[in-house]
N, C-alpha and C. Protein backbone atom coordinates (compact mmCIF):
# COMPACT_ATOMS: atom_id res chain seq x y z
N MET A 1 -26.24 -24.76 17.04
CA MET A 1 -25.27 -24.92 16.59
C MET A 1 -23.94 -25.50 17.34
N GLU A 2 -23.41 -26.51 16.60
CA GLU A 2 -22.54 -27.01 17.63
C GLU A 2 -21.07 -26.32 17.79
N THR A 3 -20.27 -26.14 18.78
CA THR A 3 -19.35 -25.38 18.62
C THR A 3 -17.98 -26.22 19.06
N THR A 4 -16.85 -25.66 18.81
CA THR A 4 -15.33 -26.36 19.07
C THR A 4 -14.59 -25.55 19.48
N ASN A 5 -13.64 -25.94 20.08
CA ASN A 5 -12.55 -24.97 20.80
C ASN A 5 -11.04 -24.87 19.90
N VAL A 6 -10.72 -23.61 19.72
CA VAL A 6 -9.57 -23.23 19.16
C VAL A 6 -8.74 -22.77 20.12
N THR A 7 -7.28 -23.09 19.80
CA THR A 7 -6.55 -22.90 20.65
C THR A 7 -5.14 -22.12 20.15
N ILE A 8 -5.01 -20.79 20.33
CA ILE A 8 -3.94 -19.75 20.01
C ILE A 8 -2.56 -19.47 21.23
N ARG A 9 -1.74 -19.32 20.50
CA ARG A 9 -0.53 -19.07 21.31
C ARG A 9 -0.73 -17.23 21.16
N ILE A 10 -0.36 -16.68 22.06
CA ILE A 10 -0.33 -15.37 22.20
C ILE A 10 0.51 -14.70 23.47
N ASP A 11 0.96 -13.82 23.32
CA ASP A 11 1.94 -13.21 24.60
C ASP A 11 0.96 -12.45 25.98
N LYS A 12 1.52 -12.61 26.83
CA LYS A 12 0.66 -12.24 27.73
C LYS A 12 0.31 -10.73 27.42
N LYS A 13 1.30 -9.91 27.37
CA LYS A 13 1.01 -9.03 27.39
C LYS A 13 0.14 -8.26 26.19
N THR A 14 0.40 -8.48 25.19
CA THR A 14 -0.71 -8.37 24.03
C THR A 14 -2.46 -9.21 24.50
N LYS A 15 -2.45 -10.28 24.82
CA LYS A 15 -3.41 -10.74 25.62
C LYS A 15 -4.23 -10.09 26.40
N ARG A 16 -3.37 -9.26 27.39
CA ARG A 16 -4.07 -8.36 28.31
C ARG A 16 -4.76 -7.21 27.51
N GLU A 17 -3.60 -6.50 26.81
CA GLU A 17 -4.34 -5.71 25.72
C GLU A 17 -5.44 -5.61 25.13
N PHE A 18 -5.23 -6.71 24.70
CA PHE A 18 -6.55 -7.11 23.97
C PHE A 18 -8.07 -7.85 24.60
N ASP A 19 -7.81 -8.18 25.87
CA ASP A 19 -8.57 -8.33 26.68
C ASP A 19 -9.57 -6.89 27.17
N ASN A 20 -8.64 -6.18 27.64
CA ASN A 20 -8.98 -4.79 28.04
C ASN A 20 -9.85 -3.79 26.49
N PHE A 21 -9.27 -4.06 25.44
CA PHE A 21 -9.64 -3.53 24.32
C PHE A 21 -11.30 -4.29 24.12
N CYS A 22 -11.35 -5.39 24.00
CA CYS A 22 -12.74 -6.19 23.99
C CYS A 22 -13.51 -5.95 25.17
N GLU A 23 -13.22 -5.79 26.59
CA GLU A 23 -13.94 -5.42 27.80
C GLU A 23 -14.55 -3.84 27.09
N ASN A 24 -13.74 -3.18 26.52
CA ASN A 24 -13.97 -1.48 26.47
C ASN A 24 -15.01 -1.40 25.47
N VAL A 25 -15.15 -2.63 24.85
CA VAL A 25 -16.07 -2.40 23.47
C VAL A 25 -17.05 -3.15 23.93
N GLY A 26 -17.05 -3.90 24.80
CA GLY A 26 -18.31 -4.71 25.23
C GLY A 26 -18.42 -6.32 24.61
N ILE A 27 -17.46 -6.79 24.32
CA ILE A 27 -17.27 -7.99 23.56
C ILE A 27 -16.31 -8.69 24.37
N SER A 28 -16.61 -10.10 24.27
CA SER A 28 -15.52 -11.13 24.69
C SER A 28 -14.55 -11.55 23.89
N ILE A 29 -13.47 -12.03 24.05
CA ILE A 29 -12.31 -12.44 22.99
C ILE A 29 -13.09 -13.44 22.34
N SER A 30 -13.67 -14.24 22.45
CA SER A 30 -14.25 -15.36 21.63
C SER A 30 -15.12 -14.97 20.54
N THR A 31 -15.90 -13.71 21.27
CA THR A 31 -16.93 -12.91 20.03
C THR A 31 -15.85 -12.32 19.14
N ALA A 32 -14.73 -11.44 19.56
CA ALA A 32 -14.15 -10.96 18.65
C ALA A 32 -13.53 -11.79 17.42
N PHE A 33 -12.93 -12.87 18.05
CA PHE A 33 -12.29 -14.03 17.24
C PHE A 33 -13.50 -14.36 16.35
N ASN A 34 -14.67 -14.77 16.78
CA ASN A 34 -15.81 -15.28 15.88
C ASN A 34 -16.18 -14.00 14.93
N MET A 35 -16.27 -13.01 15.32
CA MET A 35 -16.21 -11.64 14.36
C MET A 35 -15.50 -11.87 13.22
N PHE A 36 -13.84 -12.04 13.67
CA PHE A 36 -12.78 -12.10 12.61
C PHE A 36 -13.06 -13.27 11.85
N VAL A 37 -13.40 -14.52 12.10
CA VAL A 37 -13.61 -15.70 11.64
C VAL A 37 -14.79 -15.27 10.67
N LYS A 38 -16.03 -14.95 10.91
CA LYS A 38 -17.31 -14.81 10.05
C LYS A 38 -16.59 -13.78 9.10
N ALA A 39 -16.00 -12.61 9.19
CA ALA A 39 -15.62 -11.61 8.45
C ALA A 39 -15.23 -12.10 7.22
N THR A 40 -13.95 -12.93 7.54
CA THR A 40 -12.77 -13.22 6.83
C THR A 40 -13.91 -14.35 5.79
N LEU A 41 -14.48 -15.23 6.21
CA LEU A 41 -15.37 -16.23 5.65
C LEU A 41 -16.20 -15.50 4.75
N ARG A 42 -16.90 -14.55 5.30
CA ARG A 42 -18.17 -13.79 4.47
C ARG A 42 -17.39 -13.02 3.04
N THR A 43 -16.01 -12.19 3.34
CA THR A 43 -15.58 -11.40 2.09
C THR A 43 -14.27 -12.25 1.48
N ARG A 44 -14.08 -13.62 1.92
CA ARG A 44 -12.85 -14.14 1.45
C ARG A 44 -11.98 -13.91 1.46
N GLU A 45 -11.65 -12.82 2.23
CA GLU A 45 -10.35 -11.87 2.63
C GLU A 45 -10.28 -11.76 3.81
N LEU A 46 -8.89 -11.55 4.20
CA LEU A 46 -8.82 -10.85 5.70
C LEU A 46 -9.17 -9.51 6.18
N PRO A 47 -9.75 -9.30 6.90
CA PRO A 47 -10.56 -7.91 7.19
C PRO A 47 -9.41 -6.81 7.50
N PHE A 48 -8.31 -7.01 6.96
CA PHE A 48 -7.33 -5.75 6.93
C PHE A 48 -6.07 -6.22 6.11
N THR A 49 -5.66 -5.35 5.82
CA THR A 49 -4.24 -5.42 4.60
C THR A 49 -2.95 -6.01 5.30
N VAL A 50 -2.58 -6.67 4.53
CA VAL A 50 -1.39 -7.57 5.07
C VAL A 50 -0.47 -7.37 3.92
N THR A 51 0.77 -6.77 4.56
CA THR A 51 1.82 -6.32 3.53
C THR A 51 2.85 -6.87 3.78
N ASP A 52 3.69 -7.32 2.72
CA ASP A 52 5.13 -7.89 3.05
C ASP A 52 6.21 -6.44 2.83
N ILE A 53 6.51 -6.38 3.95
CA ILE A 53 7.42 -5.26 4.34
C ILE A 53 8.55 -4.81 3.72
N GLU A 54 9.39 -6.35 3.37
CA GLU A 54 10.39 -6.41 2.58
C GLU A 54 10.18 -5.96 1.36
N SER A 55 9.07 -6.37 0.73
CA SER A 55 8.52 -6.14 -0.78
C SER A 55 8.22 -4.40 -0.89
N GLN A 56 7.93 -4.13 0.10
CA GLN A 56 7.55 -2.52 0.34
C GLN A 56 9.12 -1.66 0.49
N LYS A 57 9.66 -2.46 0.72
CA LYS A 57 11.19 -1.77 1.01
C LYS A 57 11.81 -1.52 -0.55
N GLN A 58 11.78 -3.12 -0.89
CA GLN A 58 12.54 -2.92 -2.15
C GLN A 58 11.83 -2.22 -3.29
N ALA A 59 10.63 -2.11 -3.49
CA ALA A 59 9.93 -1.13 -4.08
C ALA A 59 10.43 0.37 -3.96
N ARG A 60 10.19 0.72 -3.03
CA ARG A 60 10.48 2.19 -2.45
C ARG A 60 12.08 2.27 -2.94
N LYS A 61 12.95 1.40 -2.41
CA LYS A 61 14.19 1.59 -3.14
C LYS A 61 14.60 2.03 -4.32
N ALA A 62 13.83 0.78 -5.34
CA ALA A 62 13.82 0.91 -6.74
C ALA A 62 13.04 1.99 -7.55
N PHE A 63 12.39 2.78 -6.70
CA PHE A 63 11.53 3.85 -7.44
C PHE A 63 12.52 4.98 -6.88
N GLY A 64 13.12 4.96 -5.95
CA GLY A 64 14.03 6.09 -5.37
C GLY A 64 15.29 6.04 -6.48
N GLU A 65 15.84 4.74 -6.87
CA GLU A 65 16.75 4.61 -7.86
C GLU A 65 16.57 5.25 -9.16
N ALA A 66 15.24 4.69 -9.39
CA ALA A 66 14.75 5.19 -10.94
C ALA A 66 14.52 6.62 -10.86
N PHE A 67 14.09 7.42 -9.83
CA PHE A 67 13.81 8.84 -9.69
C PHE A 67 15.40 9.44 -9.85
N ARG A 68 16.39 9.08 -9.16
CA ARG A 68 17.68 9.32 -8.96
C ARG A 68 18.01 9.67 -10.51
N ALA A 69 17.92 8.39 -11.33
CA ALA A 69 18.37 7.98 -12.49
C ALA A 69 17.83 9.25 -13.60
N SER A 70 16.55 9.52 -13.53
CA SER A 70 15.78 10.53 -14.35
C SER A 70 16.35 11.67 -14.15
N GLN A 71 16.45 12.07 -12.77
CA GLN A 71 16.83 13.24 -12.53
C GLN A 71 18.16 13.25 -12.87
N GLU A 72 19.30 12.86 -12.90
CA GLU A 72 20.46 12.55 -13.55
C GLU A 72 20.53 12.96 -14.97
N GLN A 73 19.45 12.22 -16.00
CA GLN A 73 19.52 12.15 -17.17
C GLN A 73 18.99 13.67 -17.62
N SER A 74 18.13 14.07 -16.89
CA SER A 74 17.70 15.60 -17.12
C SER A 74 18.66 16.39 -16.89
N VAL A 75 19.78 16.43 -16.15
CA VAL A 75 20.67 17.34 -16.09
C VAL A 75 21.52 16.88 -17.37
N ILE A 76 22.02 15.83 -17.89
CA ILE A 76 22.94 15.49 -18.97
C ILE A 76 21.77 15.97 -20.33
N ASN A 77 20.46 15.85 -19.95
CA ASN A 77 19.70 16.65 -21.26
C ASN A 77 19.73 17.79 -21.37
N GLY A 78 19.91 18.80 -20.22
CA GLY A 78 19.98 20.15 -20.06
C GLY A 78 18.27 20.55 -19.55
N THR A 79 17.80 19.19 -19.07
CA THR A 79 16.02 19.72 -19.24
C THR A 79 15.37 19.89 -17.61
N ASP A 80 16.65 19.59 -16.89
CA ASP A 80 16.49 19.62 -15.33
C ASP A 80 16.00 21.19 -14.65
N ASN A 81 15.81 22.14 -15.37
CA ASN A 81 14.92 23.29 -14.95
C ASN A 81 13.76 23.55 -15.93
N ILE A 82 13.59 22.95 -16.70
CA ILE A 82 12.55 22.92 -17.77
C ILE A 82 10.82 23.06 -16.76
N SER A 83 10.46 24.18 -17.09
CA SER A 83 8.75 24.10 -16.79
C SER A 83 7.73 23.45 -17.22
N LEU A 84 6.80 23.47 -16.56
CA LEU A 84 5.74 22.57 -17.05
C LEU A 84 5.11 22.96 -18.63
N ASP A 85 4.98 24.48 -18.75
CA ASP A 85 4.32 25.21 -19.76
C ASP A 85 5.90 24.94 -20.99
N GLU A 86 6.53 24.94 -20.82
CA GLU A 86 7.95 24.49 -21.69
C GLU A 86 7.39 23.25 -22.08
N ILE A 87 7.39 22.01 -21.46
CA ILE A 87 7.13 20.80 -21.83
C ILE A 87 6.06 20.46 -22.55
N ASN A 88 4.95 21.24 -22.32
CA ASN A 88 3.56 21.58 -22.92
C ASN A 88 3.71 22.04 -24.26
N ASP A 89 4.55 23.21 -24.55
CA ASP A 89 4.90 23.53 -25.94
C ASP A 89 5.46 22.89 -26.56
N ILE A 90 6.94 22.14 -25.94
CA ILE A 90 7.71 21.12 -27.24
C ILE A 90 6.34 19.89 -27.27
N ILE A 91 5.41 19.73 -26.67
CA ILE A 91 4.80 18.47 -27.05
C ILE A 91 3.97 19.07 -28.05
N ALA A 92 3.30 20.31 -27.66
CA ALA A 92 2.65 21.04 -28.85
C ALA A 92 3.17 20.82 -30.28
N GLU A 93 4.26 21.43 -30.22
CA GLU A 93 5.41 21.62 -31.32
C GLU A 93 5.36 20.28 -32.32
N SER A 94 5.82 19.34 -31.34
CA SER A 94 6.26 18.04 -31.81
C SER A 94 4.76 17.34 -32.50
N ARG A 95 3.67 17.39 -32.00
CA ARG A 95 2.36 17.09 -32.55
C ARG A 95 2.03 17.69 -33.88
N ARG A 96 2.52 19.25 -33.88
CA ARG A 96 1.91 19.67 -35.34
C ARG A 96 3.23 19.24 -36.01
N GLU A 97 4.18 18.99 -35.90
CA GLU A 97 5.37 18.69 -36.90
C GLU A 97 4.92 17.27 -37.39
N MET A 98 4.46 16.16 -36.42
CA MET A 98 4.05 15.00 -36.86
C MET A 98 2.70 15.12 -37.75
N SER A 99 1.39 16.12 -37.75
CA SER A 99 0.41 15.90 -38.15
C SER A 99 0.88 16.80 -39.82
N ALA A 100 2.21 17.63 -39.76
CA ALA A 100 2.40 18.18 -41.31
C ALA A 100 3.37 17.32 -41.88
N THR A 101 3.66 16.29 -41.59
CA THR A 101 4.44 15.13 -42.20
C THR A 101 3.51 13.80 -42.61
N LYS A 102 2.27 13.83 -42.19
CA LYS A 102 1.55 13.02 -42.59
C LYS A 102 0.68 13.30 -43.77
């Protein structure tokens, strides 16, 4: 199989650490990159999860705001100290009332 060269830029410390890792697992850097490329092509996805950190931060912030809003609303509604059993009783009663009106 004909090969070609690929040049990448990486900081010296990271390269040295990766060199050591590859040596410890008995492969060369070239073999490691070939494994990465072949795994990517075989699965048609990167062999690790890539996430947008900013999107995660925004999602966590939005969830926190929604959770706080629901807590505040439960205080307004007087349902902030209601138990799960009480919630289930309310749902069951509501279902009985709906069935009776049909």
